[in-house]
Amino acid sequence: MDPQLGRTAFNIAFYFAFMSAVLLPFLKRDSPEFVAATLALLFSLLFLAVVIWEVRRQVKIAKGVPVEEQ
C-alpha cells in the first residue's frame, strides 16, 4: 500500500469513527439515527483495523521480515 494512500485511509476511518462516537451520547436509543451512527462507528472501526493491519504487514514485508500467512 502506498504510504500516502494508507495515511489517507487512516485519516478518513479515524474521522468517521470519531464523529459517529461523538454523536452517540446525544441520540435517543430507539431512533433510526442511533442505529445509523452505531453502524457507522462499527464499520469505521473495522475499516480502521484493516488499514492498520495492512500497513503493519507492508512494513514487515519492506523490512524483509517473513510474514506468516494463515
PDB file of N, CA and C in Angstrom:
ATOM      1  N   MET A   1       0.860  -1.183   0.000  1.00  0.00           N
ATOM      2  CA  MET A   1       0.000   0.000   0.000  1.00  0.00           C
ATOM      3  C   MET A   1       0.893   1.229   0.000  1.00  0.00           C
ATOM      4  N   ASP A   2       0.575   2.155  -0.852  1.00  0.00           N
ATOM      5  CA  ASP A   2       1.301   3.410  -0.923  1.00  0.00           C
ATOM      6  C   ASP A   2       1.168   4.145   0.418  1.00  0.00           C
ATOM      7  N   PRO A   3       2.259   4.705   0.948  1.00  0.00           N
ATOM      8  CA  PRO A   3       2.177   5.381   2.248  1.00  0.00           C
ATOM      9  C   PRO A   3       1.147   6.506   2.293  1.00  0.00           C
ATOM     10  N   GLN A   4       1.041   7.264   1.208  1.00  0.00           N
ATOM     11  CA  GLN A   4       0.063   8.356   1.186  1.00  0.00           C
ATOM     12  C   GLN A   4      -1.364   7.810   1.201  1.00  0.00           C
ATOM     13  N   LEU A   5      -1.597   6.716   0.497  1.00  0.00           N
ATOM     14  CA  LEU A   5      -2.912   6.087   0.485  1.00  0.00           C
ATOM     15  C   LEU A   5      -3.258   5.526   1.869  1.00  0.00           C
ATOM     16  N   GLY A   6      -2.283   4.916   2.523  1.00  0.00           N
ATOM     17  CA  GLY A   6      -2.506   4.393   3.870  1.00  0.00           C
ATOM     18  C   GLY A   6      -2.821   5.489   4.865  1.00  0.00           C
ATOM     19  N   ARG A   7      -2.098   6.581   4.761  1.00  0.00           N
ATOM     20  CA  ARG A   7      -2.342   7.713   5.664  1.00  0.00           C
ATOM     21  C   ARG A   7      -3.728   8.313   5.428  1.00  0.00           C
ATOM     22  N   THR A   8      -4.111   8.456   4.165  1.00  0.00           N
ATOM     23  CA  THR A   8      -5.428   8.999   3.836  1.00  0.00           C
ATOM     24  C   THR A   8      -6.534   8.074   4.336  1.00  0.00           C
ATOM     25  N   ALA A   9      -6.378   6.774   4.117  1.00  0.00           N
ATOM     26  CA  ALA A   9      -7.372   5.812   4.589  1.00  0.00           C
ATOM     27  C   ALA A   9      -7.478   5.840   6.113  1.00  0.00           C
ATOM     28  N   PHE A  10      -6.341   5.944   6.796  1.00  0.00           N
ATOM     29  CA  PHE A  10      -6.353   6.020   8.257  1.00  0.00           C
ATOM     30  C   PHE A  10      -7.077   7.274   8.731  1.00  0.00           C
ATOM     31  N   ASN A  11      -6.787   8.412   8.100  1.00  0.00           N
ATOM     32  CA  ASN A  11      -7.423   9.666   8.498  1.00  0.00           C
ATOM     33  C   ASN A  11      -8.932   9.636   8.274  1.00  0.00           C
ATOM     34  N   ILE A  12      -9.358   9.087   7.150  1.00  0.00           N
ATOM     35  CA  ILE A  12     -10.790   9.003   6.871  1.00  0.00           C
ATOM     36  C   ILE A  12     -11.483   8.089   7.867  1.00  0.00           C
ATOM     37  N   ALA A  13     -10.905   6.921   8.128  1.00  0.00           N
ATOM     38  CA  ALA A  13     -11.508   5.976   9.071  1.00  0.00           C
ATOM     39  C   ALA A  13     -11.558   6.570  10.477  1.00  0.00           C
ATOM     40  N   PHE A  14     -10.489   7.226  10.888  1.00  0.00           N
ATOM     41  CA  PHE A  14     -10.480   7.833  12.219  1.00  0.00           C
ATOM     42  C   PHE A  14     -11.504   8.952  12.324  1.00  0.00           C
ATOM     43  N   TYR A  15     -11.626   9.759  11.270  1.00  0.00           N
ATOM     44  CA  TYR A  15     -12.595  10.855  11.276  1.00  0.00           C
ATOM     45  C   TYR A  15     -14.020  10.325  11.416  1.00  0.00           C
ATOM     46  N   PHE A  16     -14.375   9.321  10.624  1.00  0.00           N
ATOM     47  CA  PHE A  16     -15.725   8.758  10.703  1.00  0.00           C
ATOM     48  C   PHE A  16     -15.978   8.108  12.057  1.00  0.00           C
ATOM     49  N   ALA A  17     -14.990   7.398  12.594  1.00  0.00           N
ATOM     50  CA  ALA A  17     -15.156   6.766  13.906  1.00  0.00           C
ATOM     51  C   ALA A  17     -15.333   7.824  14.992  1.00  0.00           C
ATOM     52  N   PHE A  18     -14.528   8.855  14.953  1.00  0.00           N
ATOM     53  CA  PHE A  18     -14.609   9.906  15.959  1.00  0.00           C
ATOM     54  C   PHE A  18     -15.942  10.640  15.902  1.00  0.00           C
ATOM     55  N   MET A  19     -16.351  11.013  14.683  1.00  0.00           N
ATOM     56  CA  MET A  19     -17.595  11.782  14.548  1.00  0.00           C
ATOM     57  C   MET A  19     -18.820  10.956  14.947  1.00  0.00           C
ATOM     58  N   SER A  20     -18.856   9.691  14.601  1.00  0.00           N
ATOM     59  CA  SER A  20     -20.007   8.873  14.994  1.00  0.00           C
ATOM     60  C   SER A  20     -19.980   8.587  16.497  1.00  0.00           C
ATOM     61  N   ALA A  21     -18.795   8.476  17.088  1.00  0.00           N
ATOM     62  CA  ALA A  21     -18.710   8.263  18.535  1.00  0.00           C
ATOM     63  C   ALA A  21     -19.149   9.514  19.301  1.00  0.00           C
ATOM     64  N   VAL A  22     -18.856  10.683  18.762  1.00  0.00           N
ATOM     65  CA  VAL A  22     -19.272  11.932  19.408  1.00  0.00           C
ATOM     66  C   VAL A  22     -20.799  12.065  19.379  1.00  0.00           C
ATOM     67  N   LEU A  23     -21.421  11.613  18.304  1.00  0.00           N
ATOM     68  CA  LEU A  23     -22.868  11.742  18.167  1.00  0.00           C
ATOM     69  C   LEU A  23     -23.652  10.800  19.091  1.00  0.00           C
ATOM     70  N   LEU A  24     -23.130   9.633  19.361  1.00  0.00           N
ATOM     71  CA  LEU A  24     -23.895   8.606  20.078  1.00  0.00           C
ATOM     72  C   LEU A  24     -24.496   9.053  21.409  1.00  0.00           C
ATOM     73  N   PRO A  25     -23.792   9.774  22.276  1.00  0.00           N
ATOM     74  CA  PRO A  25     -24.403  10.155  23.552  1.00  0.00           C
ATOM     75  C   PRO A  25     -25.598  11.110  23.423  1.00  0.00           C
ATOM     76  N   PHE A  26     -25.711  11.777  22.298  1.00  0.00           N
ATOM     77  CA  PHE A  26     -26.768  12.773  22.131  1.00  0.00           C
ATOM     78  C   PHE A  26     -27.997  12.239  21.396  1.00  0.00           C
ATOM     79  N   LEU A  27     -27.971  10.993  20.983  1.00  0.00           N
ATOM     80  CA  LEU A  27     -29.079  10.421  20.226  1.00  0.00           C
ATOM     81  C   LEU A  27     -29.920   9.516  21.115  1.00  0.00           C
ATOM     82  N   LYS A  28     -31.219   9.477  20.845  1.00  0.00           N
ATOM     83  CA  LYS A  28     -32.097   8.557  21.567  1.00  0.00           C
ATOM     84  C   LYS A  28     -31.836   7.139  21.085  1.00  0.00           C
ATOM     85  N   ARG A  29     -31.844   6.195  22.024  1.00  0.00           N
ATOM     86  CA  ARG A  29     -31.501   4.817  21.682  1.00  0.00           C
ATOM     87  C   ARG A  29     -32.498   4.145  20.758  1.00  0.00           C
ATOM     88  N   ASP A  30     -33.726   4.598  20.718  1.00  0.00           N
ATOM     89  CA  ASP A  30     -34.729   3.956  19.869  1.00  0.00           C
ATOM     90  C   ASP A  30     -34.932   4.696  18.549  1.00  0.00           C
ATOM     91  N   SER A  31     -34.026   5.589  18.206  1.00  0.00           N
ATOM     92  CA  SER A  31     -34.179   6.356  16.971  1.00  0.00           C
ATOM     93  C   SER A  31     -33.364   5.718  15.843  1.00  0.00           C
ATOM     94  N   PRO A  32     -33.791   5.932  14.613  1.00  0.00           N
ATOM     95  CA  PRO A  32     -33.020   5.422  13.474  1.00  0.00           C
ATOM     96  C   PRO A  32     -31.634   6.055  13.370  1.00  0.00           C
ATOM     97  N   GLU A  33     -31.503   7.275  13.831  1.00  0.00           N
ATOM     98  CA  GLU A  33     -30.200   7.940  13.784  1.00  0.00           C
ATOM     99  C   GLU A  33     -29.184   7.226  14.683  1.00  0.00           C
ATOM    100  N   PHE A  34     -29.641   6.691  15.816  1.00  0.00           N
ATOM    101  CA  PHE A  34     -28.754   5.961  16.715  1.00  0.00           C
ATOM    102  C   PHE A  34     -28.232   4.697  16.038  1.00  0.00           C
ATOM    103  N   VAL A  35     -29.134   4.004  15.344  1.00  0.00           N
ATOM    104  CA  VAL A  35     -28.726   2.787  14.636  1.00  0.00           C
ATOM    105  C   VAL A  35     -27.722   3.125  13.542  1.00  0.00           C
ATOM    106  N   ALA A  36     -27.970   4.190  12.790  1.00  0.00           N
ATOM    107  CA  ALA A  36     -27.051   4.590  11.723  1.00  0.00           C
ATOM    108  C   ALA A  36     -25.688   5.003  12.286  1.00  0.00           C
ATOM    109  N   ALA A  37     -25.689   5.743  13.375  1.00  0.00           N
ATOM    110  CA  ALA A  37     -24.424   6.167  13.986  1.00  0.00           C
ATOM    111  C   ALA A  37     -23.662   4.973  14.546  1.00  0.00           C
ATOM    112  N   THR A  38     -24.381   4.029  15.131  1.00  0.00           N
ATOM    113  CA  THR A  38     -23.734   2.827  15.663  1.00  0.00           C
ATOM    114  C   THR A  38     -23.125   1.999  14.541  1.00  0.00           C
ATOM    115  N   LEU A  39     -23.863   1.821  13.457  1.00  0.00           N
ATOM    116  CA  LEU A  39     -23.324   1.075  12.322  1.00  0.00           C
ATOM    117  C   LEU A  39     -22.129   1.797  11.702  1.00  0.00           C
ATOM    118  N   ALA A  40     -22.210   3.109  11.612  1.00  0.00           N
ATOM    119  CA  ALA A  40     -21.084   3.884  11.083  1.00  0.00           C
ATOM    120  C   ALA A  40     -19.851   3.719  11.964  1.00  0.00           C
ATOM    121  N   LEU A  41     -20.060   3.714  13.277  1.00  0.00           N
ATOM    122  CA  LEU A  41     -18.938   3.522  14.203  1.00  0.00           C
ATOM    123  C   LEU A  41     -18.337   2.129  14.047  1.00  0.00           C
ATOM    124  N   LEU A  42     -19.164   1.114  13.973  1.00  0.00           N
ATOM    125  CA  LEU A  42     -18.664  -0.257  13.833  1.00  0.00           C
ATOM    126  C   LEU A  42     -17.906  -0.452  12.526  1.00  0.00           C
ATOM    127  N   PHE A  43     -18.481   0.012  11.426  1.00  0.00           N
ATOM    128  CA  PHE A  43     -17.822  -0.166  10.135  1.00  0.00           C
ATOM    129  C   PHE A  43     -16.542   0.658  10.026  1.00  0.00           C
ATOM    130  N   SER A  44     -16.533   1.845  10.595  1.00  0.00           N
ATOM    131  CA  SER A  44     -15.315   2.650  10.522  1.00  0.00           C
ATOM    132  C   SER A  44     -14.219   2.070  11.416  1.00  0.00           C
ATOM    133  N   LEU A  45     -14.586   1.501  12.561  1.00  0.00           N
ATOM    134  CA  LEU A  45     -13.583   0.833  13.403  1.00  0.00           C
ATOM    135  C   LEU A  45     -13.038  -0.421  12.720  1.00  0.00           C
ATOM    136  N   LEU A  46     -13.911  -1.150  12.037  1.00  0.00           N
ATOM    137  CA  LEU A  46     -13.462  -2.317  11.286  1.00  0.00           C
ATOM    138  C   LEU A  46     -12.523  -1.897  10.157  1.00  0.00           C
ATOM    139  N   PHE A  47     -12.887  -0.861   9.430  1.00  0.00           N
ATOM    140  CA  PHE A  47     -12.033  -0.353   8.360  1.00  0.00           C
ATOM    141  C   PHE A  47     -10.702   0.145   8.912  1.00  0.00           C
ATOM    142  N   LEU A  48     -10.735   0.804  10.056  1.00  0.00           N
ATOM    143  CA  LEU A  48      -9.509   1.289  10.697  1.00  0.00           C
ATOM    144  C   LEU A  48      -8.601   0.122  11.074  1.00  0.00           C
ATOM    145  N   ALA A  49      -9.183  -0.947  11.603  1.00  0.00           N
ATOM    146  CA  ALA A  49      -8.394  -2.123  11.965  1.00  0.00           C
ATOM    147  C   ALA A  49      -7.760  -2.764  10.731  1.00  0.00           C
ATOM    148  N   VAL A  50      -8.497  -2.835   9.640  1.00  0.00           N
ATOM    149  CA  VAL A  50      -7.954  -3.404   8.398  1.00  0.00           C
ATOM    150  C   VAL A  50      -6.811  -2.540   7.859  1.00  0.00           C
ATOM    151  N   VAL A  51      -6.971  -1.238   7.899  1.00  0.00           N
ATOM    152  CA  VAL A  51      -5.918  -0.339   7.415  1.00  0.00           C
ATOM    153  C   VAL A  51      -4.665  -0.495   8.274  1.00  0.00           C
ATOM    154  N   ILE A  52      -4.824  -0.534   9.577  1.00  0.00           N
ATOM    155  CA  ILE A  52      -3.671  -0.689  10.471  1.00  0.00           C
ATOM    156  C   ILE A  52      -2.980  -2.019  10.215  1.00  0.00           C
ATOM    157  N   TRP A  53      -3.771  -3.090  10.078  1.00  0.00           N
ATOM    158  CA  TRP A  53      -3.198  -4.408   9.826  1.00  0.00           C
ATOM    159  C   TRP A  53      -2.425  -4.422   8.511  1.00  0.00           C
ATOM    160  N   GLU A  54      -2.997  -3.850   7.472  1.00  0.00           N
ATOM    161  CA  GLU A  54      -2.358  -3.844   6.150  1.00  0.00           C
ATOM    162  C   GLU A  54      -1.075  -3.011   6.149  1.00  0.00           C
ATOM    163  N   VAL A  55      -1.084  -1.867   6.785  1.00  0.00           N
ATOM    164  CA  VAL A  55       0.118  -1.029   6.833  1.00  0.00           C
ATOM    165  C   VAL A  55       1.217  -1.727   7.608  1.00  0.00           C
ATOM    166  N   ARG A  56       0.873  -2.355   8.727  1.00  0.00           N
ATOM    167  CA  ARG A  56       1.886  -3.072   9.509  1.00  0.00           C
ATOM    168  C   ARG A  56       2.446  -4.254   8.724  1.00  0.00           C
ATOM    169  N   ARG A  57       1.604  -4.927   7.948  1.00  0.00           N
ATOM    170  CA  ARG A  57       2.048  -6.044   7.129  1.00  0.00           C
ATOM    171  C   ARG A  57       2.995  -5.555   6.038  1.00  0.00           C
ATOM    172  N   GLN A  58       2.684  -4.430   5.431  1.00  0.00           N
ATOM    173  CA  GLN A  58       3.542  -3.887   4.388  1.00  0.00           C
ATOM    174  C   GLN A  58       4.899  -3.449   4.950  1.00  0.00           C
ATOM    175  N   VAL A  59       4.915  -2.929   6.169  1.00  0.00           N
ATOM    176  CA  VAL A  59       6.184  -2.540   6.795  1.00  0.00           C
ATOM    177  C   VAL A  59       7.046  -3.772   7.037  1.00  0.00           C
ATOM    178  N   LYS A  60       6.434  -4.865   7.484  1.00  0.00           N
ATOM    179  CA  LYS A  60       7.198  -6.104   7.692  1.00  0.00           C
ATOM    180  C   LYS A  60       7.756  -6.627   6.386  1.00  0.00           C
ATOM    181  N   ILE A  61       6.980  -6.558   5.314  1.00  0.00           N
ATOM    182  CA  ILE A  61       7.454  -7.020   4.013  1.00  0.00           C
ATOM    183  C   ILE A  61       8.609  -6.153   3.536  1.00  0.00           C
ATOM    184  N   ALA A  62       8.511  -4.845   3.734  1.00  0.00           N
ATOM    185  CA  ALA A  62       9.569  -3.936   3.299  1.00  0.00           C
ATOM    186  C   ALA A  62      10.865  -4.156   4.074  1.00  0.00           C
ATOM    187  N   LYS A  63      10.761  -4.553   5.332  1.00  0.00           N
ATOM    188  CA  LYS A  63      11.956  -4.798   6.140  1.00  0.00           C
ATOM    189  C   LYS A  63      12.535  -6.182   5.897  1.00  0.00           C
ATOM    190  N   GLY A  64      11.815  -7.042   5.199  1.00  0.00           N
ATOM    191  CA  GLY A  64      12.312  -8.382   4.914  1.00  0.00           C
ATOM    192  C   GLY A  64      11.972  -9.397   5.980  1.00  0.00           C
ATOM    193  N   VAL A  65      11.087  -9.052   6.894  1.00  0.00           N
ATOM    194  CA  VAL A  65      10.657  -9.982   7.926  1.00  0.00           C
ATOM    195  C   VAL A  65       9.641 -10.929   7.312  1.00  0.00           C
ATOM    196  N   PRO A  66       9.803 -12.245   7.484  1.00  0.00           N
ATOM    197  CA  PRO A  66       8.810 -13.162   6.901  1.00  0.00           C
ATOM    198  C   PRO A  66       7.438 -12.974   7.537  1.00  0.00           C
ATOM    199  N   VAL A  67       6.430 -12.960   6.679  1.00  0.00           N
ATOM    200  CA  VAL A  67       5.053 -12.772   7.124  1.00  0.00           C
ATOM    201  C   VAL A  67       4.371 -14.117   7.138  1.00  0.00           C
ATOM    202  N   GLU A  68       3.803 -14.479   8.280  1.00  0.00           N
ATOM    203  CA  GLU A  68       3.092 -15.752   8.378  1.00  0.00           C
ATOM    204  C   GLU A  68       1.694 -15.602   7.805  1.00  0.00           C
ATOM    205  N   GLU A  69       1.367 -16.399   6.812  1.00  0.00           N
ATOM    206  CA  GLU A  69       0.019 -16.404   6.231  1.00  0.00           C
ATOM    207  C   GLU A  69      -0.772 -17.500   6.904  1.00  0.00           C
ATOM    208  N   GLN A  70      -2.013 -17.198   7.213  1.00  0.00           N
ATOM    209  CA  GLN A  70      -2.873 -18.196   7.867  1.00  0.00           C
ATOM    210  C   GLN A  70      -3.879 -18.711   6.912  1.00  0.00           C
TER     211      GLN A  70
END
